[in-house]
Amino acid sequence: MLTDLRTLTRQFGQPGRLQAIWLRPQRGVPALSVVTAHALAGRGLEGDRAARPSVATGTSKRQVTLLQAEHLPLLAAWLGRSDVDAGTLRRNLLVGGFNLLAARSLFADQPVCITIGDGVVLEVTGPCEPCSKMEQALGAGAYNVMRGHGGVTARVLSGGRLNVGDLVQVATAAHLPGQLPG
């Protein structure tokens, strides 16, 4: 069966799972691991510094950050460690079993959105590049180890409750709130 690229970019092998949630209350303070959080449409996660009303503009492309769980063993191996604590990387959501990088649209007129749980809809907006703090947190060379493996950024299109263990999958038209931003 011949399928065009636009169709292929919307097909995923299986849903994933939300494996962990972190809130970053402020700069320089360790991220807090929680089992449930509330996603606020147009803002981010309640209790996270990115969602503060003075910070959130509703159009920010970095309201929530997501990390691919399967990348953790790679990061550890490249750093010469037995493991890497995902909380140290200061991303909000750890997702396993679902290719987050593939959830970024190849076409400007066809955003790819993901759902988590019963109603949270996120639009993946781009890569979450590492910062120089990774060198302090993980040691020399960590910045380059993280490049391409720092996860993705997203904007919250539809808010709701997030729970560790929730399904993560591509949003269908029925999941999408109103008109998607361009």
N, C-alpha and C. Protein backbone atom coordinates (compact mmCIF):
# COMPACT_ATOMS: atom_id res chain seq x y z
N MET A 1 0.83 -1.18 0.00
CA MET A 1 0.00 0.00 0.00
C MET A 1 0.88 1.24 0.00
N LEU A 2 0.68 2.12 -0.94
CA LEU A 2 1.44 3.35 -1.04
C LEU A 2 0.78 4.43 -0.19
N THR A 3 1.56 5.04 0.71
CA THR A 3 1.03 6.07 1.60
C THR A 3 1.91 7.30 1.49
N ASP A 4 1.28 8.47 1.50
CA ASP A 4 2.07 9.70 1.38
C ASP A 4 2.69 10.07 2.73
N LEU A 5 3.67 10.95 2.68
CA LEU A 5 4.42 11.35 3.85
C LEU A 5 3.54 12.00 4.92
N ARG A 6 2.56 12.78 4.51
CA ARG A 6 1.65 13.41 5.47
C ARG A 6 0.90 12.37 6.30
N THR A 7 0.49 11.29 5.69
CA THR A 7 -0.20 10.22 6.40
C THR A 7 0.77 9.47 7.30
N LEU A 8 1.95 9.17 6.79
CA LEU A 8 2.94 8.43 7.56
C LEU A 8 3.34 9.15 8.85
N THR A 9 3.41 10.47 8.81
CA THR A 9 3.84 11.22 10.00
C THR A 9 2.79 11.22 11.11
N ARG A 10 1.61 10.71 10.85
CA ARG A 10 0.54 10.66 11.85
C ARG A 10 0.31 9.24 12.38
N GLN A 11 1.11 8.29 11.92
CA GLN A 11 0.93 6.90 12.34
C GLN A 11 2.05 6.50 13.29
N PHE A 12 1.66 6.00 14.46
CA PHE A 12 2.62 5.56 15.46
C PHE A 12 2.33 4.11 15.81
N GLY A 13 3.37 3.35 16.11
CA GLY A 13 3.23 1.93 16.36
C GLY A 13 2.39 1.57 17.57
N GLN A 14 2.53 2.32 18.63
CA GLN A 14 1.80 2.02 19.85
C GLN A 14 1.76 3.27 20.73
N PRO A 15 0.82 3.31 21.67
CA PRO A 15 0.83 4.42 22.62
C PRO A 15 1.98 4.24 23.60
N GLY A 16 2.37 5.33 24.23
CA GLY A 16 3.38 5.28 25.27
C GLY A 16 2.74 5.47 26.63
N ARG A 17 3.59 5.67 27.64
CA ARG A 17 3.13 5.88 29.00
C ARG A 17 3.89 7.04 29.63
N LEU A 18 3.18 7.81 30.43
CA LEU A 18 3.80 8.86 31.22
C LEU A 18 4.46 8.18 32.42
N GLN A 19 5.79 8.24 32.48
CA GLN A 19 6.52 7.50 33.52
C GLN A 19 6.87 8.34 34.74
N ALA A 20 6.95 9.66 34.58
CA ALA A 20 7.28 10.51 35.72
C ALA A 20 6.86 11.95 35.40
N ILE A 21 6.62 12.72 36.46
CA ILE A 21 6.25 14.14 36.35
C ILE A 21 7.13 14.93 37.31
N TRP A 22 7.68 16.05 36.84
CA TRP A 22 8.45 16.96 37.69
C TRP A 22 7.94 18.38 37.54
N LEU A 23 7.94 19.08 38.65
CA LEU A 23 7.62 20.51 38.65
C LEU A 23 8.89 21.24 39.07
N ARG A 24 9.15 22.34 38.39
CA ARG A 24 10.33 23.17 38.70
C ARG A 24 9.81 24.47 39.30
N PRO A 25 9.75 24.58 40.63
CA PRO A 25 9.12 25.74 41.24
C PRO A 25 9.85 27.06 40.96
N GLN A 26 11.17 27.01 40.84
CA GLN A 26 11.94 28.20 40.51
C GLN A 26 13.34 27.81 40.07
N ARG A 27 14.05 28.76 39.50
CA ARG A 27 15.43 28.52 39.06
C ARG A 27 16.31 28.15 40.25
N GLY A 28 17.24 27.24 40.02
CA GLY A 28 18.21 26.89 41.04
C GLY A 28 17.70 26.00 42.15
N VAL A 29 16.43 25.61 42.08
CA VAL A 29 15.84 24.74 43.09
C VAL A 29 15.60 23.38 42.43
N PRO A 30 15.92 22.28 43.13
CA PRO A 30 15.69 20.96 42.53
C PRO A 30 14.25 20.78 42.06
N ALA A 31 14.09 20.03 40.98
CA ALA A 31 12.76 19.70 40.48
C ALA A 31 12.07 18.76 41.47
N LEU A 32 10.77 18.92 41.61
CA LEU A 32 9.98 18.10 42.54
C LEU A 32 9.27 16.99 41.77
N SER A 33 9.48 15.76 42.18
CA SER A 33 8.79 14.63 41.57
C SER A 33 7.40 14.52 42.17
N VAL A 34 6.38 14.43 41.31
CA VAL A 34 5.00 14.27 41.75
C VAL A 34 4.35 13.15 40.96
N VAL A 35 3.28 12.59 41.47
CA VAL A 35 2.58 11.51 40.75
C VAL A 35 1.40 12.03 39.95
N THR A 36 0.98 13.25 40.24
CA THR A 36 -0.11 13.87 39.51
C THR A 36 0.16 15.36 39.38
N ALA A 37 -0.33 15.96 38.31
CA ALA A 37 -0.18 17.40 38.10
C ALA A 37 -1.36 17.87 37.27
N HIS A 38 -1.56 19.19 37.28
CA HIS A 38 -2.64 19.76 36.50
C HIS A 38 -2.04 20.62 35.38
N ALA A 39 -2.36 20.27 34.15
CA ALA A 39 -1.92 21.05 32.99
C ALA A 39 -2.91 22.18 32.76
N LEU A 40 -2.40 23.39 32.62
CA LEU A 40 -3.22 24.58 32.41
C LEU A 40 -3.12 25.00 30.95
N ALA A 41 -4.25 25.06 30.26
CA ALA A 41 -4.26 25.43 28.84
C ALA A 41 -3.59 26.78 28.65
N GLY A 42 -2.66 26.84 27.70
CA GLY A 42 -1.98 28.08 27.37
C GLY A 42 -0.92 28.51 28.37
N ARG A 43 -0.65 27.69 29.40
CA ARG A 43 0.32 28.10 30.44
C ARG A 43 1.38 27.07 30.75
N GLY A 44 1.01 25.85 31.05
CA GLY A 44 1.97 24.84 31.48
C GLY A 44 1.42 24.03 32.63
N LEU A 45 2.29 23.57 33.52
CA LEU A 45 1.86 22.75 34.65
C LEU A 45 1.74 23.60 35.91
N GLU A 46 0.61 23.48 36.58
CA GLU A 46 0.39 24.23 37.82
C GLU A 46 1.51 23.89 38.81
N GLY A 47 2.12 24.92 39.38
CA GLY A 47 3.21 24.74 40.32
C GLY A 47 4.59 24.79 39.68
N ASP A 48 4.64 24.82 38.35
CA ASP A 48 5.91 24.91 37.63
C ASP A 48 6.18 26.38 37.29
N ARG A 49 7.43 26.78 37.35
CA ARG A 49 7.76 28.19 37.12
C ARG A 49 7.36 28.68 35.72
N ALA A 50 7.31 27.79 34.74
CA ALA A 50 6.93 28.20 33.38
C ALA A 50 5.47 28.60 33.29
N ALA A 51 4.65 28.16 34.25
CA ALA A 51 3.20 28.42 34.20
C ALA A 51 2.78 29.62 35.04
N ARG A 52 3.72 30.27 35.72
CA ARG A 52 3.35 31.45 36.52
C ARG A 52 2.72 32.50 35.61
N PRO A 53 1.66 33.15 36.07
CA PRO A 53 0.99 34.16 35.24
C PRO A 53 1.93 35.25 34.72
N SER A 54 2.94 35.61 35.49
CA SER A 54 3.87 36.65 35.05
C SER A 54 4.79 36.15 33.95
N VAL A 55 4.92 34.83 33.82
CA VAL A 55 5.79 34.24 32.81
C VAL A 55 4.99 33.76 31.60
N ALA A 56 3.88 33.09 31.86
CA ALA A 56 3.09 32.47 30.79
C ALA A 56 2.39 33.54 29.94
N THR A 57 2.55 33.42 28.64
CA THR A 57 1.92 34.38 27.74
C THR A 57 0.80 33.76 26.94
N GLY A 58 0.64 32.45 27.02
CA GLY A 58 -0.37 31.77 26.23
C GLY A 58 0.12 31.38 24.85
N THR A 59 1.20 32.02 24.40
CA THR A 59 1.74 31.69 23.09
C THR A 59 3.12 31.06 23.18
N SER A 60 3.66 30.94 24.39
CA SER A 60 4.99 30.37 24.57
C SER A 60 5.04 28.96 23.99
N LYS A 61 6.12 28.66 23.33
CA LYS A 61 6.31 27.32 22.78
C LYS A 61 6.95 26.37 23.79
N ARG A 62 7.28 26.89 24.97
CA ARG A 62 7.99 26.09 25.98
C ARG A 62 7.20 26.05 27.29
N GLN A 63 5.93 25.70 27.22
CA GLN A 63 5.09 25.63 28.41
C GLN A 63 5.35 24.35 29.20
N VAL A 64 5.67 23.28 28.50
CA VAL A 64 5.95 21.98 29.11
C VAL A 64 7.13 21.38 28.36
N THR A 65 8.00 20.67 29.10
CA THR A 65 9.10 19.96 28.45
C THR A 65 8.93 18.47 28.69
N LEU A 66 9.26 17.68 27.66
CA LEU A 66 9.10 16.23 27.74
C LEU A 66 10.43 15.56 27.38
N LEU A 67 10.71 14.46 28.03
CA LEU A 67 11.94 13.71 27.81
C LEU A 67 11.61 12.27 27.46
N GLN A 68 12.35 11.72 26.54
CA GLN A 68 12.19 10.34 26.09
C GLN A 68 12.89 9.40 27.07
N ALA A 69 12.16 8.52 27.74
CA ALA A 69 12.73 7.60 28.74
C ALA A 69 13.81 6.71 28.13
N GLU A 70 13.62 6.30 26.89
CA GLU A 70 14.58 5.40 26.26
C GLU A 70 15.94 6.05 26.02
N HIS A 71 16.03 7.37 26.13
CA HIS A 71 17.31 8.05 25.95
C HIS A 71 18.18 8.02 27.20
N LEU A 72 17.60 7.75 28.36
CA LEU A 72 18.36 7.78 29.61
C LEU A 72 19.54 6.81 29.62
N PRO A 73 19.37 5.54 29.19
CA PRO A 73 20.53 4.64 29.17
C PRO A 73 21.63 5.12 28.20
N LEU A 74 21.23 5.74 27.10
CA LEU A 74 22.23 6.27 26.16
C LEU A 74 23.03 7.39 26.81
N LEU A 75 22.33 8.32 27.46
CA LEU A 75 23.00 9.43 28.13
C LEU A 75 23.97 8.90 29.18
N ALA A 76 23.53 7.93 29.97
CA ALA A 76 24.39 7.34 31.00
C ALA A 76 25.63 6.70 30.38
N ALA A 77 25.44 5.94 29.31
CA ALA A 77 26.58 5.28 28.66
C ALA A 77 27.57 6.31 28.13
N TRP A 78 27.08 7.35 27.49
CA TRP A 78 27.96 8.37 26.93
C TRP A 78 28.68 9.18 28.00
N LEU A 79 28.11 9.22 29.20
CA LEU A 79 28.74 9.92 30.32
C LEU A 79 29.63 9.00 31.16
N GLY A 80 29.62 7.71 30.83
CA GLY A 80 30.41 6.76 31.60
C GLY A 80 29.83 6.50 32.98
N ARG A 81 28.51 6.57 33.08
CA ARG A 81 27.81 6.35 34.35
C ARG A 81 26.94 5.11 34.26
N SER A 82 26.53 4.60 35.40
CA SER A 82 25.62 3.45 35.40
C SER A 82 24.19 3.90 35.11
N ASP A 83 23.85 5.15 35.48
CA ASP A 83 22.51 5.66 35.19
C ASP A 83 22.51 7.18 35.28
N VAL A 84 21.41 7.77 34.82
CA VAL A 84 21.18 9.22 34.91
C VAL A 84 19.81 9.40 35.54
N ASP A 85 19.76 10.18 36.60
CA ASP A 85 18.48 10.50 37.24
C ASP A 85 17.76 11.51 36.36
N ALA A 86 16.61 11.12 35.83
CA ALA A 86 15.88 11.99 34.90
C ALA A 86 15.49 13.31 35.55
N GLY A 87 15.26 13.35 36.84
CA GLY A 87 14.90 14.58 37.53
C GLY A 87 15.99 15.64 37.45
N THR A 88 17.23 15.20 37.35
CA THR A 88 18.36 16.12 37.23
C THR A 88 18.30 16.92 35.93
N LEU A 89 17.65 16.36 34.93
CA LEU A 89 17.60 17.00 33.61
C LEU A 89 16.56 18.10 33.53
N ARG A 90 15.74 18.26 34.56
CA ARG A 90 14.78 19.36 34.70
C ARG A 90 13.76 19.44 33.56
N ARG A 91 13.31 18.31 33.08
CA ARG A 91 12.21 18.26 32.14
C ARG A 91 10.96 17.92 32.94
N ASN A 92 9.78 18.33 32.45
CA ASN A 92 8.55 18.10 33.21
C ASN A 92 8.02 16.67 33.14
N LEU A 93 8.03 16.09 31.96
CA LEU A 93 7.37 14.80 31.76
C LEU A 93 8.34 13.79 31.15
N LEU A 94 8.38 12.59 31.72
CA LEU A 94 9.19 11.50 31.18
C LEU A 94 8.24 10.52 30.51
N VAL A 95 8.44 10.30 29.22
CA VAL A 95 7.55 9.45 28.42
C VAL A 95 8.33 8.27 27.86
N GLY A 96 7.77 7.08 27.99
CA GLY A 96 8.37 5.88 27.44
C GLY A 96 7.44 5.19 26.46
N GLY A 97 8.01 4.48 25.48
CA GLY A 97 7.22 3.68 24.55
C GLY A 97 6.61 4.43 23.39
N PHE A 98 6.92 5.70 23.27
CA PHE A 98 6.34 6.56 22.23
C PHE A 98 7.44 7.51 21.76
N ASN A 99 7.68 7.59 20.46
CA ASN A 99 8.76 8.41 19.92
C ASN A 99 8.36 9.89 19.91
N LEU A 100 8.79 10.62 20.94
CA LEU A 100 8.46 12.04 21.06
C LEU A 100 9.00 12.86 19.90
N LEU A 101 10.20 12.54 19.43
CA LEU A 101 10.78 13.32 18.33
C LEU A 101 9.95 13.22 17.06
N ALA A 102 9.30 12.10 16.87
CA ALA A 102 8.45 11.93 15.69
C ALA A 102 7.12 12.67 15.82
N ALA A 103 6.81 13.14 17.02
CA ALA A 103 5.56 13.88 17.23
C ALA A 103 5.69 15.34 16.84
N ARG A 104 6.84 15.72 16.35
CA ARG A 104 7.04 17.09 15.85
C ARG A 104 6.68 17.11 14.37
N SER A 105 5.81 18.00 14.00
CA SER A 105 5.30 18.04 12.63
C SER A 105 6.38 18.39 11.61
N LEU A 106 6.30 17.74 10.49
CA LEU A 106 7.17 18.09 9.36
C LEU A 106 6.52 19.16 8.49
N PHE A 107 5.23 19.42 8.72
CA PHE A 107 4.48 20.33 7.87
C PHE A 107 3.84 21.43 8.73
N ALA A 108 4.10 22.68 8.38
CA ALA A 108 3.59 23.82 9.16
C ALA A 108 2.07 23.84 9.22
N ASP A 109 1.42 23.36 8.17
CA ASP A 109 -0.05 23.39 8.14
C ASP A 109 -0.69 22.14 8.74
N GLN A 110 0.13 21.25 9.30
CA GLN A 110 -0.40 20.01 9.87
C GLN A 110 0.30 19.71 11.20
N PRO A 111 -0.08 20.43 12.26
CA PRO A 111 0.55 20.16 13.55
C PRO A 111 0.22 18.76 14.04
N VAL A 112 1.17 18.13 14.69
CA VAL A 112 0.94 16.84 15.31
C VAL A 112 0.80 17.10 16.80
N CYS A 113 -0.30 16.66 17.36
CA CYS A 113 -0.55 16.86 18.78
C CYS A 113 -0.62 15.50 19.47
N ILE A 114 -0.31 15.49 20.76
CA ILE A 114 -0.40 14.26 21.53
C ILE A 114 -1.37 14.47 22.68
N THR A 115 -2.00 13.37 23.07
CA THR A 115 -2.87 13.41 24.24
C THR A 115 -2.20 12.61 25.35
N ILE A 116 -2.44 13.07 26.56
CA ILE A 116 -1.97 12.34 27.73
C ILE A 116 -3.17 12.18 28.65
N GLY A 117 -3.44 10.94 29.02
CA GLY A 117 -4.59 10.68 29.89
C GLY A 117 -5.89 10.90 29.15
N ASP A 118 -6.87 11.42 29.89
CA ASP A 118 -8.21 11.58 29.34
C ASP A 118 -8.43 12.83 28.52
N GLY A 119 -7.65 13.90 28.74
CA GLY A 119 -8.00 15.11 28.03
C GLY A 119 -6.91 16.12 27.79
N VAL A 120 -5.70 15.89 28.30
CA VAL A 120 -4.63 16.85 28.08
C VAL A 120 -4.12 16.71 26.66
N VAL A 121 -4.08 17.84 25.94
CA VAL A 121 -3.59 17.85 24.56
C VAL A 121 -2.40 18.80 24.50
N LEU A 122 -1.28 18.29 24.00
CA LEU A 122 -0.06 19.07 23.84
C LEU A 122 0.32 19.13 22.37
N GLU A 123 0.78 20.30 21.94
CA GLU A 123 1.37 20.43 20.61
C GLU A 123 2.87 20.50 20.79
N VAL A 124 3.58 19.51 20.26
CA VAL A 124 5.04 19.51 20.33
C VAL A 124 5.55 20.64 19.44
N THR A 125 6.36 21.54 20.02
CA THR A 125 6.77 22.74 19.30
C THR A 125 8.22 22.75 18.87
N GLY A 126 9.04 21.85 19.39
CA GLY A 126 10.43 21.83 18.97
C GLY A 126 11.31 21.07 19.93
N PRO A 127 12.61 21.05 19.63
CA PRO A 127 13.54 20.35 20.52
C PRO A 127 13.79 21.15 21.79
N CYS A 128 14.08 20.46 22.86
CA CYS A 128 14.44 21.09 24.13
C CYS A 128 15.96 20.97 24.25
N GLU A 129 16.63 22.00 23.81
CA GLU A 129 18.09 21.97 23.77
C GLU A 129 18.65 22.05 25.19
N PRO A 130 19.80 21.43 25.43
CA PRO A 130 20.41 21.49 26.76
C PRO A 130 20.98 22.89 27.04
N CYS A 131 21.18 23.16 28.32
CA CYS A 131 21.83 24.41 28.70
C CYS A 131 23.14 24.08 29.40
N SER A 132 23.91 25.11 29.69
CA SER A 132 25.22 24.90 30.31
C SER A 132 25.11 24.28 31.70
N LYS A 133 23.94 24.34 32.32
CA LYS A 133 23.76 23.74 33.65
C LYS A 133 23.93 22.22 33.62
N MET A 134 23.82 21.61 32.45
CA MET A 134 24.00 20.17 32.35
C MET A 134 25.43 19.77 32.70
N GLU A 135 26.39 20.64 32.41
CA GLU A 135 27.79 20.37 32.78
C GLU A 135 27.92 20.30 34.30
N GLN A 136 27.26 21.21 35.01
CA GLN A 136 27.30 21.21 36.47
C GLN A 136 26.59 19.99 37.04
N ALA A 137 25.47 19.65 36.46
CA ALA A 137 24.64 18.56 36.98
C ALA A 137 25.22 17.18 36.68
N LEU A 138 25.81 17.02 35.49
CA LEU A 138 26.22 15.68 35.05
C LEU A 138 27.72 15.52 34.80
N GLY A 139 28.46 16.63 34.76
CA GLY A 139 29.89 16.54 34.55
C GLY A 139 30.33 17.00 33.18
N ALA A 140 31.64 17.02 33.00
CA ALA A 140 32.24 17.50 31.76
C ALA A 140 31.73 16.71 30.56
N GLY A 141 31.37 17.43 29.51
CA GLY A 141 30.89 16.82 28.28
C GLY A 141 29.39 16.61 28.23
N ALA A 142 28.70 16.87 29.34
CA ALA A 142 27.26 16.59 29.40
C ALA A 142 26.47 17.43 28.40
N TYR A 143 26.90 18.66 28.17
CA TYR A 143 26.19 19.51 27.20
C TYR A 143 26.12 18.80 25.85
N ASN A 144 27.24 18.30 25.36
CA ASN A 144 27.25 17.63 24.05
C ASN A 144 26.57 16.28 24.09
N VAL A 145 26.62 15.59 25.22
CA VAL A 145 25.91 14.32 25.36
C VAL A 145 24.41 14.54 25.21
N MET A 146 23.93 15.64 25.77
CA MET A 146 22.49 15.94 25.74
C MET A 146 22.00 16.45 24.39
N ARG A 147 22.89 16.98 23.57
CA ARG A 147 22.44 17.54 22.29
C ARG A 147 21.74 16.46 21.46
N GLY A 148 20.53 16.77 21.04
CA GLY A 148 19.73 15.81 20.28
C GLY A 148 18.97 14.83 21.14
N HIS A 149 19.23 14.85 22.46
CA HIS A 149 18.59 13.91 23.38
C HIS A 149 18.02 14.63 24.59
N GLY A 150 17.78 15.93 24.46
CA GLY A 150 17.26 16.73 25.57
C GLY A 150 15.75 16.77 25.64
N GLY A 151 15.08 16.07 24.74
CA GLY A 151 13.63 16.04 24.75
C GLY A 151 13.02 17.08 23.83
N VAL A 152 11.77 17.39 24.09
CA VAL A 152 11.02 18.33 23.26
C VAL A 152 10.26 19.32 24.14
N THR A 153 9.90 20.44 23.54
CA THR A 153 9.06 21.43 24.19
C THR A 153 7.64 21.31 23.63
N ALA A 154 6.68 21.79 24.40
CA ALA A 154 5.29 21.70 23.95
C ALA A 154 4.47 22.83 24.56
N ARG A 155 3.37 23.11 23.89
CA ARG A 155 2.39 24.06 24.42
C ARG A 155 1.14 23.27 24.78
N VAL A 156 0.46 23.71 25.84
CA VAL A 156 -0.75 23.02 26.32
C VAL A 156 -1.96 23.60 25.59
N LEU A 157 -2.58 22.80 24.74
CA LEU A 157 -3.77 23.23 24.02
C LEU A 157 -5.04 22.98 24.83
N SER A 158 -5.05 21.88 25.57
CA SER A 158 -6.21 21.54 26.40
C SER A 158 -5.68 21.00 27.72
N GLY A 159 -6.10 21.64 28.81
CA GLY A 159 -5.59 21.27 30.13
C GLY A 159 -6.35 20.12 30.75
N GLY A 160 -5.87 19.72 31.91
CA GLY A 160 -6.50 18.64 32.67
C GLY A 160 -5.49 17.98 33.58
N ARG A 161 -5.91 16.91 34.16
CA ARG A 161 -5.09 16.18 35.13
C ARG A 161 -4.15 15.20 34.43
N LEU A 162 -2.91 15.18 34.88
CA LEU A 162 -1.91 14.23 34.40
C LEU A 162 -1.56 13.30 35.55
N ASN A 163 -1.45 12.01 35.26
CA ASN A 163 -1.07 11.02 36.27
C ASN A 163 0.04 10.14 35.73
N VAL A 164 1.01 9.82 36.57
CA VAL A 164 2.02 8.85 36.17
C VAL A 164 1.27 7.58 35.78
N GLY A 165 1.63 7.01 34.64
CA GLY A 165 0.95 5.82 34.12
C GLY A 165 -0.04 6.11 33.01
N ASP A 166 -0.40 7.40 32.81
CA ASP A 166 -1.33 7.76 31.74
C ASP A 166 -0.80 7.36 30.37
N LEU A 167 -1.73 7.03 29.46
CA LEU A 167 -1.38 6.76 28.07
C LEU A 167 -0.95 8.05 27.37
N VAL A 168 0.02 7.93 26.47
CA VAL A 168 0.48 9.04 25.63
C VAL A 168 0.33 8.56 24.19
N GLN A 169 -0.41 9.34 23.38
CA GLN A 169 -0.64 8.93 21.99
C GLN A 169 -0.93 10.13 21.11
N VAL A 170 -0.93 9.90 19.81
CA VAL A 170 -1.24 10.97 18.86
C VAL A 170 -2.70 11.34 19.02
N ALA A 171 -2.96 12.64 19.01
CA ALA A 171 -4.34 13.13 19.14
C ALA A 171 -5.09 12.89 17.84
N THR A 172 -6.33 12.47 17.98
CA THR A 172 -7.21 12.38 16.82
C THR A 172 -7.99 13.68 16.73
N ALA A 173 -8.68 13.89 15.64
CA ALA A 173 -9.46 15.12 15.46
C ALA A 173 -10.46 15.32 16.60
N ALA A 174 -10.98 14.23 17.16
CA ALA A 174 -11.95 14.32 18.26
C ALA A 174 -11.33 14.89 19.54
N HIS A 175 -10.02 14.72 19.71
CA HIS A 175 -9.33 15.21 20.90
C HIS A 175 -8.97 16.69 20.83
N LEU A 176 -8.95 17.26 19.64
CA LEU A 176 -8.39 18.60 19.46
C LEU A 176 -9.39 19.69 19.81
N PRO A 177 -8.95 20.65 20.62
CA PRO A 177 -9.85 21.75 21.01
C PRO A 177 -9.91 22.82 19.93
N GLY A 178 -11.07 23.02 19.35
CA GLY A 178 -11.27 24.11 18.39
C GLY A 178 -10.23 24.14 17.28
N GLN A 179 -9.83 25.34 16.93
CA GLN A 179 -8.86 25.57 15.87
C GLN A 179 -7.44 25.52 16.43
N LEU A 180 -6.58 24.75 15.81
CA LEU A 180 -5.20 24.67 16.25
C LEU A 180 -4.43 25.90 15.84
N PRO A 181 -3.49 26.36 16.71
CA PRO A 181 -2.65 27.49 16.32
C PRO A 181 -1.72 27.09 15.18
N GLY A 182 -1.35 28.04 14.36
CA GLY A 182 -0.49 27.76 13.20
C GLY A 182 0.93 27.71 13.47
